[in-house]
Structure formats: structure tokens, C-alpha cells
PDB file of N, CA and C in Angstrom:
ATOM      1  N   UNK A   1      90.810 106.477  91.454  1.00  0.00           N
ATOM      2  CA  UNK A   1      90.413 107.115  92.956  1.00  0.00           C
ATOM      3  C   UNK A   1      92.153 106.362  92.930  1.00  0.00           C
ATOM      4  N   UNK A   2      92.760 107.445  94.117  1.00  0.00           N
ATOM      5  CA  UNK A   2      94.240 107.303  94.356  1.00  0.00           C
ATOM      6  C   UNK A   2      94.217 106.825  95.752  1.00  0.00           C
ATOM      7  N   UNK A   3      94.754 105.897  96.251  1.00  0.00           N
ATOM      8  CA  UNK A   3      94.823 105.149  97.263  1.00  0.00           C
ATOM      9  C   UNK A   3      96.093 105.464  98.496  1.00  0.00           C
ATOM     10  N   UNK A   4      97.147 106.166  97.803  1.00  0.00           N
ATOM     11  CA  UNK A   4      98.479 106.194  98.299  1.00  0.00           C
ATOM     12  C   UNK A   4      99.243 107.119  97.038  1.00  0.00           C
ATOM     13  N   UNK A   5     100.305 107.620  97.407  1.00  0.00           N
ATOM     14  CA  UNK A   5     101.346 108.126  96.425  1.00  0.00           C
ATOM     15  C   UNK A   5     102.668 107.887  97.232  1.00  0.00           C
ATOM     16  N   UNK A   6     103.566 108.469  95.918  1.00  0.00           N
ATOM     17  CA  UNK A   6     104.985 108.278  96.491  1.00  0.00           C
ATOM     18  C   UNK A   6     105.492 106.813  96.085  1.00  0.00           C
ATOM     19  N   UNK A   7     104.945 106.119  95.147  1.00  0.00           N
ATOM     20  CA  UNK A   7     105.504 104.739  94.690  1.00  0.00           C
ATOM     21  C   UNK A   7     106.566 104.803  93.607  1.00  0.00           C
ATOM     22  N   UNK A   8     107.018 105.900  93.164  1.00  0.00           N
ATOM     23  CA  UNK A   8     107.702 106.225  92.006  1.00  0.00           C
ATOM     24  C   UNK A   8     109.103 106.518  92.637  1.00  0.00           C
ATOM     25  N   UNK A   9     109.663 106.115  94.176  1.00  0.00           N
ATOM     26  CA  UNK A   9     110.572 105.930  95.122  1.00  0.00           C
ATOM     27  C   UNK A   9     111.179 104.389  94.930  1.00  0.00           C
ATOM     28  N   UNK A  10     110.396 103.593  94.327  1.00  0.00           N
ATOM     29  CA  UNK A  10     110.717 102.050  94.749  1.00  0.00           C
ATOM     30  C   UNK A  10     110.712 101.614  93.152  1.00  0.00           C
ATOM     31  N   UNK A  11     111.649 101.023  93.200  1.00  0.00           N
ATOM     32  CA  UNK A  11     112.230 100.336  91.548  1.00  0.00           C
ATOM     33  C   UNK A  11     111.896  99.096  91.384  1.00  0.00           C
ATOM     34  N   UNK A  12     111.401  98.316  92.308  1.00  0.00           N
ATOM     35  CA  UNK A  12     110.578  97.104  92.088  1.00  0.00           C
ATOM     36  C   UNK A  12     109.617  97.047  93.399  1.00  0.00           C
ATOM     37  N   UNK A  13     107.965  96.460  93.065  1.00  0.00           N
ATOM     38  CA  UNK A  13     106.976  96.588  93.645  1.00  0.00           C
ATOM     39  C   UNK A  13     106.550  95.038  93.596  1.00  0.00           C
ATOM     40  N   UNK A  14     106.510  94.569  94.556  1.00  0.00           N
ATOM     41  CA  UNK A  14     105.741  93.421  94.734  1.00  0.00           C
ATOM     42  C   UNK A  14     104.193  93.043  95.552  1.00  0.00           C
ATOM     43  N   UNK A  15     103.492  92.433  94.609  1.00  0.00           N
ATOM     44  CA  UNK A  15     102.316  92.195  95.032  1.00  0.00           C
ATOM     45  C   UNK A  15     102.197  90.855  95.992  1.00  0.00           C
ATOM     46  N   UNK A  16     101.233  90.898  97.064  1.00  0.00           N
ATOM     47  CA  UNK A  16     101.245  89.643  97.843  1.00  0.00           C
ATOM     48  C   UNK A  16      99.768  89.208  97.874  1.00  0.00           C
ATOM     49  N   UNK A  17      99.299  88.843  99.184  1.00  0.00           N
ATOM     50  CA  UNK A  17      97.784  88.483  99.098  1.00  0.00           C
ATOM     51  C   UNK A  17      97.383  89.674 100.181  1.00  0.00           C
ATOM     52  N   UNK A  18      95.739  89.673 100.329  1.00  0.00           N
ATOM     53  CA  UNK A  18      95.330  90.455 101.089  1.00  0.00           C
ATOM     54  C   UNK A  18      95.657  92.128 101.610  1.00  0.00           C
ATOM     55  N   UNK A  19      96.405  92.303 100.227  1.00  0.00           N
ATOM     56  CA  UNK A  19      96.741  93.780 100.604  1.00  0.00           C
ATOM     57  C   UNK A  19      98.223  94.060 100.631  1.00  0.00           C
ATOM     58  N   UNK A  20      98.786  92.921 100.651  1.00  0.00           N
ATOM     59  CA  UNK A  20     100.165  92.862 101.332  1.00  0.00           C
ATOM     60  C   UNK A  20     101.179  93.468 100.300  1.00  0.00           C
ATOM     61  N   UNK A  21     102.079  94.366 100.198  1.00  0.00           N
ATOM     62  CA  UNK A  21     102.891  94.360  99.030  1.00  0.00           C
ATOM     63  C   UNK A  21     104.246  95.046  99.633  1.00  0.00           C
ATOM     64  N   UNK A  22     105.123  94.933  98.831  1.00  0.00           N
ATOM     65  CA  UNK A  22     106.988  94.991  99.250  1.00  0.00           C
ATOM     66  C   UNK A  22     106.976  96.033  98.138  1.00  0.00           C
ATOM     67  N   UNK A  23     108.023  96.692  98.652  1.00  0.00           N
ATOM     68  CA  UNK A  23     108.470  98.052  97.624  1.00  0.00           C
ATOM     69  C   UNK A  23     109.832  97.864  98.069  1.00  0.00           C
ATOM     70  N   UNK A  24     110.885  97.669  96.615  1.00  0.00           N
ATOM     71  CA  UNK A  24     112.332  97.952  96.979  1.00  0.00           C
ATOM     72  C   UNK A  24     112.829  99.194  96.227  1.00  0.00           C
ATOM     73  N   UNK A  25     113.580 100.056  97.321  1.00  0.00           N
ATOM     74  CA  UNK A  25     114.023 101.058  96.703  1.00  0.00           C
ATOM     75  C   UNK A  25     115.614 101.004  95.960  1.00  0.00           C
ATOM     76  N   UNK A  26     115.675 101.809  94.901  1.00  0.00           N
ATOM     77  CA  UNK A  26     117.431 101.583  94.330  1.00  0.00           C
ATOM     78  C   UNK A  26     118.380 100.983  95.233  1.00  0.00           C
ATOM     79  N   UNK A  27     118.461 101.557  96.715  1.00  0.00           N
ATOM     80  CA  UNK A  27     119.345 101.208  97.211  1.00  0.00           C
ATOM     81  C   UNK A  27     119.448 100.224  98.120  1.00  0.00           C
ATOM     82  N   UNK A  28     118.419  98.927  97.758  1.00  0.00           N
ATOM     83  CA  UNK A  28     118.349  97.825  98.158  1.00  0.00           C
ATOM     84  C   UNK A  28     117.309  97.773  99.624  1.00  0.00           C
ATOM     85  N   UNK A  29     117.193  98.849  99.852  1.00  0.00           N
ATOM     86  CA  UNK A  29     115.783  98.819 101.218  1.00  0.00           C
ATOM     87  C   UNK A  29     114.330  98.550 100.898  1.00  0.00           C
ATOM     88  N   UNK A  30     113.814  97.239 101.547  1.00  0.00           N
ATOM     89  CA  UNK A  30     112.717  96.788 101.221  1.00  0.00           C
ATOM     90  C   UNK A  30     111.613  97.172 102.458  1.00  0.00           C
ATOM     91  N   UNK A  31     110.418  97.396 101.835  1.00  0.00           N
ATOM     92  CA  UNK A  31     109.590  98.098 102.735  1.00  0.00           C
ATOM     93  C   UNK A  31     107.854  97.464 102.431  1.00  0.00           C
ATOM     94  N   UNK A  32     107.745  97.175 104.201  1.00  0.00           N
ATOM     95  CA  UNK A  32     106.413  95.991 103.676  1.00  0.00           C
ATOM     96  C   UNK A  32     105.267  97.232 103.820  1.00  0.00           C
ATOM     97  N   UNK A  33     104.239  97.014 103.266  1.00  0.00           N
ATOM     98  CA  UNK A  33     102.860  97.748 103.063  1.00  0.00           C
ATOM     99  C   UNK A  33     101.701  96.677 103.125  1.00  0.00           C
ATOM    100  N   UNK A  34     100.900  97.034 104.055  1.00  0.00           N
ATOM    101  CA  UNK A  34      99.509  96.537 104.207  1.00  0.00           C
ATOM    102  C   UNK A  34      98.181  97.323 103.619  1.00  0.00           C
ATOM    103  N   UNK A  35      97.274  97.223 102.383  1.00  0.00           N
ATOM    104  CA  UNK A  35      96.511  98.661 102.015  1.00  0.00           C
ATOM    105  C   UNK A  35      95.414  97.713 103.192  1.00  0.00           C
ATOM    106  N   UNK A  36      95.024  98.116 104.441  1.00  0.00           N
ATOM    107  CA  UNK A  36      93.709  97.733 104.841  1.00  0.00           C
ATOM    108  C   UNK A  36      92.497  98.019 104.176  1.00  0.00           C
ATOM    109  N   UNK A  37      92.408  99.347 103.213  1.00  0.00           N
ATOM    110  CA  UNK A  37      91.494  99.425 102.537  1.00  0.00           C
ATOM    111  C   UNK A  37      91.273  99.185 100.814  1.00  0.00           C
ATOM    112  N   UNK A  38      91.847  97.405 101.161  1.00  0.00           N
ATOM    113  CA  UNK A  38      91.965  97.115  99.727  1.00  0.00           C
ATOM    114  C   UNK A  38      90.626  96.497  98.985  1.00  0.00           C
ATOM    115  N   UNK A  39      89.509  96.370 100.209  1.00  0.00           N
ATOM    116  CA  UNK A  39      88.273  96.017  99.393  1.00  0.00           C
ATOM    117  C   UNK A  39      87.501  97.154  99.193  1.00  0.00           C
ATOM    118  N   UNK A  40      87.545  98.218  99.662  1.00  0.00           N
ATOM    119  CA  UNK A  40      87.120  99.335  99.992  1.00  0.00           C
ATOM    120  C   UNK A  40      87.388 100.364  98.768  1.00  0.00           C
ATOM    121  N   UNK A  41      88.938 100.602  98.252  1.00  0.00           N
ATOM    122  CA  UNK A  41      89.464 101.434  98.035  1.00  0.00           C
ATOM    123  C   UNK A  41      90.181 102.421  98.447  1.00  0.00           C
ATOM    124  N   UNK A  42      89.994 102.393  99.737  1.00  0.00           N
ATOM    125  CA  UNK A  42      90.567 103.501 100.999  1.00  0.00           C
ATOM    126  C   UNK A  42      91.796 103.915 101.160  1.00  0.00           C
ATOM    127  N   UNK A  43      92.108 104.694 101.639  1.00  0.00           N
ATOM    128  CA  UNK A  43      93.759 105.162 101.837  1.00  0.00           C
ATOM    129  C   UNK A  43      93.811 104.864 103.066  1.00  0.00           C
ATOM    130  N   UNK A  44      93.714 103.773 103.430  1.00  0.00           N
ATOM    131  CA  UNK A  44      94.079 102.463 105.108  1.00  0.00           C
ATOM    132  C   UNK A  44      95.100 102.126 104.622  1.00  0.00           C
ATOM    133  N   UNK A  45      96.190 102.136 105.668  1.00  0.00           N
ATOM    134  CA  UNK A  45      97.068 101.358 105.544  1.00  0.00           C
ATOM    135  C   UNK A  45      98.338 100.871 106.624  1.00  0.00           C
ATOM    136  N   UNK A  46      98.363  99.457 107.008  1.00  0.00           N
ATOM    137  CA  UNK A  46      99.159  99.075 108.222  1.00  0.00           C
ATOM    138  C   UNK A  46     100.349  99.762 107.977  1.00  0.00           C
ATOM    139  N   UNK A  47     100.908 100.240 109.200  1.00  0.00           N
ATOM    140  CA  UNK A  47     102.251 100.694 109.334  1.00  0.00           C
ATOM    141  C   UNK A  47     102.243 102.032 108.547  1.00  0.00           C
ATOM    142  N   UNK A  48     101.401 102.714 108.507  1.00  0.00           N
ATOM    143  CA  UNK A  48     101.295 103.935 108.021  1.00  0.00           C
ATOM    144  C   UNK A  48     101.437 104.061 106.344  1.00  0.00           C
ATOM    145  N   UNK A  49     101.449 105.286 105.544  1.00  0.00           N
ATOM    146  CA  UNK A  49     101.626 105.473 104.479  1.00  0.00           C
ATOM    147  C   UNK A  49     102.788 104.975 103.467  1.00  0.00           C
ATOM    148  N   UNK A  50     104.002 105.052 104.275  1.00  0.00           N
ATOM    149  CA  UNK A  50     105.239 104.969 103.778  1.00  0.00           C
ATOM    150  C   UNK A  50     105.827 103.426 104.174  1.00  0.00           C
ATOM    151  N   UNK A  51     104.945 102.508 104.706  1.00  0.00           N
ATOM    152  CA  UNK A  51     105.630 101.269 105.267  1.00  0.00           C
ATOM    153  C   UNK A  51     106.331 101.052 106.205  1.00  0.00           C
ATOM    154  N   UNK A  52     106.928  99.963 106.909  1.00  0.00           N
ATOM    155  CA  UNK A  52     107.739  99.628 106.966  1.00  0.00           C
ATOM    156  C   UNK A  52     109.086  99.029 106.885  1.00  0.00           C
ATOM    157  N   UNK A  53     109.908  99.325 107.006  1.00  0.00           N
ATOM    158  CA  UNK A  53     111.320  98.889 106.338  1.00  0.00           C
ATOM    159  C   UNK A  53     111.397  97.717 107.040  1.00  0.00           C
ATOM    160  N   UNK A  54     111.683  96.235 106.405  1.00  0.00           N
ATOM    161  CA  UNK A  54     112.101  94.844 106.572  1.00  0.00           C
ATOM    162  C   UNK A  54     113.170  93.986 106.198  1.00  0.00           C
ATOM    163  N   UNK A  55     113.898  95.223 105.483  1.00  0.00           N
ATOM    164  CA  UNK A  55     114.941  94.315 105.123  1.00  0.00           C
ATOM    165  C   UNK A  55     116.249  95.803 103.852  1.00  0.00           C
ATOM    166  N   UNK A  56     117.295  94.901 103.763  1.00  0.00           N
ATOM    167  CA  UNK A  56     118.329  95.884 103.007  1.00  0.00           C
ATOM    168  C   UNK A  56     119.196  94.624 102.327  1.00  0.00           C
ATOM    169  N   UNK A  57     120.071  95.262 101.088  1.00  0.00           N
ATOM    170  CA  UNK A  57     120.704  94.441 100.374  1.00  0.00           C
ATOM    171  C   UNK A  57     119.406  93.564  99.264  1.00  0.00           C
ATOM    172  N   UNK A  58     118.377  94.133  99.029  1.00  0.00           N
ATOM    173  CA  UNK A  58     117.651  93.558  98.010  1.00  0.00           C
ATOM    174  C   UNK A  58     118.055  94.283  96.074  1.00  0.00           C
ATOM    175  N   UNK A  59     119.421  95.235  96.230  1.00  0.00           N
ATOM    176  CA  UNK A  59     119.239  95.670  95.363  1.00  0.00           C
ATOM    177  C   UNK A  59     120.200  94.760  94.208  1.00  0.00           C
ATOM    178  N   UNK A  60     120.835  93.812  94.899  1.00  0.00           N
ATOM    179  CA  UNK A  60     121.785  92.524  94.120  1.00  0.00           C
ATOM    180  C   UNK A  60     121.221  92.002  93.429  1.00  0.00           C
ATOM    181  N   UNK A  61     119.503  91.726  93.594  1.00  0.00           N
ATOM    182  CA  UNK A  61     119.197  90.800  92.626  1.00  0.00           C
ATOM    183  C   UNK A  61     118.642  91.207  91.568  1.00  0.00           C
ATOM    184  N   UNK A  62     118.127  90.568  90.120  1.00  0.00           N
ATOM    185  CA  UNK A  62     117.689  90.966  88.735  1.00  0.00           C
ATOM    186  C   UNK A  62     116.466  91.098  88.924  1.00  0.00           C
ATOM    187  N   UNK A  63     116.066  89.880  89.682  1.00  0.00           N
ATOM    188  CA  UNK A  63     114.524  89.609  89.856  1.00  0.00           C
ATOM    189  C   UNK A  63     114.374  89.256  90.842  1.00  0.00           C
ATOM    190  N   UNK A  64     113.100  89.914  91.647  1.00  0.00           N
ATOM    191  CA  UNK A  64     112.150  89.611  92.900  1.00  0.00           C
ATOM    192  C   UNK A  64     110.885  89.400  92.748  1.00  0.00           C
ATOM    193  N   UNK A  65     110.854  87.814  93.166  1.00  0.00           N
ATOM    194  CA  UNK A  65     109.045  87.805  92.945  1.00  0.00           C
ATOM    195  C   UNK A  65     108.523  87.306  94.392  1.00  0.00           C
ATOM    196  N   UNK A  66     107.040  87.424  94.349  1.00  0.00           N
ATOM    197  CA  UNK A  66     106.366  86.629  95.818  1.00  0.00           C
ATOM    198  C   UNK A  66     105.582  85.583  95.566  1.00  0.00           C
ATOM    199  N   UNK A  67     106.035  84.344  96.046  1.00  0.00           N
ATOM    200  CA  UNK A  67     105.098  83.162  96.012  1.00  0.00           C
ATOM    201  C   UNK A  67     104.068  83.375  97.567  1.00  0.00           C
ATOM    202  N   UNK A  68     103.981  81.953  97.314  1.00  0.00           N
ATOM    203  CA  UNK A  68     102.948  81.910  98.901  1.00  0.00           C
ATOM    204  C   UNK A  68     103.331  81.668 100.007  1.00  0.00           C
ATOM    205  N   UNK A  69     103.399  82.935 100.672  1.00  0.00           N
ATOM    206  CA  UNK A  69     104.246  83.330 101.830  1.00  0.00           C
ATOM    207  C   UNK A  69     105.806  83.208 101.828  1.00  0.00           C
ATOM    208  N   UNK A  70     106.418  83.483 100.982  1.00  0.00           N
ATOM    209  CA  UNK A  70     107.677  83.630 100.546  1.00  0.00           C
ATOM    210  C   UNK A  70     108.194  84.455  99.619  1.00  0.00           C
ATOM    211  N   UNK A  71     109.438  84.873  99.734  1.00  0.00           N
ATOM    212  CA  UNK A  71     109.778  85.753  98.420  1.00  0.00           C
ATOM    213  C   UNK A  71     111.271  84.908  97.785  1.00  0.00           C
ATOM    214  N   UNK A  72     110.822  84.611  96.682  1.00  0.00           N
ATOM    215  CA  UNK A  72     112.187  84.350  95.402  1.00  0.00           C
ATOM    216  C   UNK A  72     113.199  85.622  95.337  1.00  0.00           C
ATOM    217  N   UNK A  73     114.289  85.468  95.353  1.00  0.00           N
ATOM    218  CA  UNK A  73     115.011  86.529  94.561  1.00  0.00           C
ATOM    219  C   UNK A  73     116.175  85.673  93.779  1.00  0.00           C
ATOM    220  N   UNK A  74     116.202  86.366  92.298  1.00  0.00           N
ATOM    221  CA  UNK A  74     116.877  85.851  91.390  1.00  0.00           C
ATOM    222  C   UNK A  74     118.562  86.677  91.071  1.00  0.00           C
ATOM    223  N   UNK A  75     119.574  85.952  91.542  1.00  0.00           N
ATOM    224  CA  UNK A  75     120.832  86.849  91.216  1.00  0.00           C
ATOM    225  C   UNK A  75     121.057  86.950  89.768  1.00  0.00           C
ATOM    226  N   UNK A  76     121.964  87.984  89.266  1.00  0.00           N
ATOM    227  CA  UNK A  76     122.387  88.355  88.135  1.00  0.00           C
ATOM    228  C   UNK A  76     122.824  87.141  87.299  1.00  0.00           C
ATOM    229  N   UNK A  77     123.460  85.917  88.045  1.00  0.00           N
ATOM    230  CA  UNK A  77     123.823  84.610  87.554  1.00  0.00           C
ATOM    231  C   UNK A  77     123.395  83.634  87.166  1.00  0.00           C
ATOM    232  N   UNK A  78     121.750  83.922  87.748  1.00  0.00           N
ATOM    233  CA  UNK A  78     120.790  82.840  87.237  1.00  0.00           C
ATOM    234  C   UNK A  78     119.894  82.177  88.904  1.00  0.00           C
ATOM    235  N   UNK A  79     121.052  82.101  89.607  1.00  0.00           N
ATOM    236  CA  UNK A  79     120.806  81.590  90.720  1.00  0.00           C
ATOM    237  C   UNK A  79     119.217  82.161  91.586  1.00  0.00           C
ATOM    238  N   UNK A  80     118.457  80.991  92.002  1.00  0.00           N
ATOM    239  CA  UNK A  80     117.184  81.210  92.487  1.00  0.00           C
ATOM    240  C   UNK A  80     117.393  81.293  93.929  1.00  0.00           C
ATOM    241  N   UNK A  81     117.306  82.215  94.930  1.00  0.00           N
ATOM    242  CA  UNK A  81     117.059  82.210  96.855  1.00  0.00           C
ATOM    243  C   UNK A  81     116.111  82.524  96.836  1.00  0.00           C
ATOM    244  N   UNK A  82     115.697  81.473  98.219  1.00  0.00           N
ATOM    245  CA  UNK A  82     114.573  81.549  98.949  1.00  0.00           C
ATOM    246  C   UNK A  82     114.817  82.294  99.760  1.00  0.00           C
TER     247      UNK A  82
END
């Protein structure tokens, strides 16, 4: 069952809780998504199917992780940012 499309434009995708996801584009733009239909598998998204742009500059991180209520980023030299 397809619930959205166009995710191939993101170089990184983070899954959070209760249907919240973040997509990071190669240019560093971060978009927030909340899949309202995650329990039923429907195509119902808060903020629309393209998400809401919530940040820039994320392309400079080697790794981006989602923790409980926070996003961690690891720089190419190994520093972790909160």
C-alpha cells in the first residue's frame, strides 16, 4: 500500500514517533512530516504530502539520528551535535 511518494528527493530520512518523520535533501533542507494515517495505512499527512521545511544546513553532517525528542548530528570529524 502506497501512502506517499517522492521520497527519492531526500538523501536522509529519519523516523521518529507517532508517525513523525524528517527528510533531508542533498542541499541540506530538512522537512518535517507527520503521517496522520500511520495506524490505518492511509495517505493522510499533517502539513501536506511535501512536509514543512524546518531547517537548512544539514548537508554538512555525515550522520543524522533521531533520539527521544531530539536530533543528533555527527560531523565528518566525529563530533556529535545536539
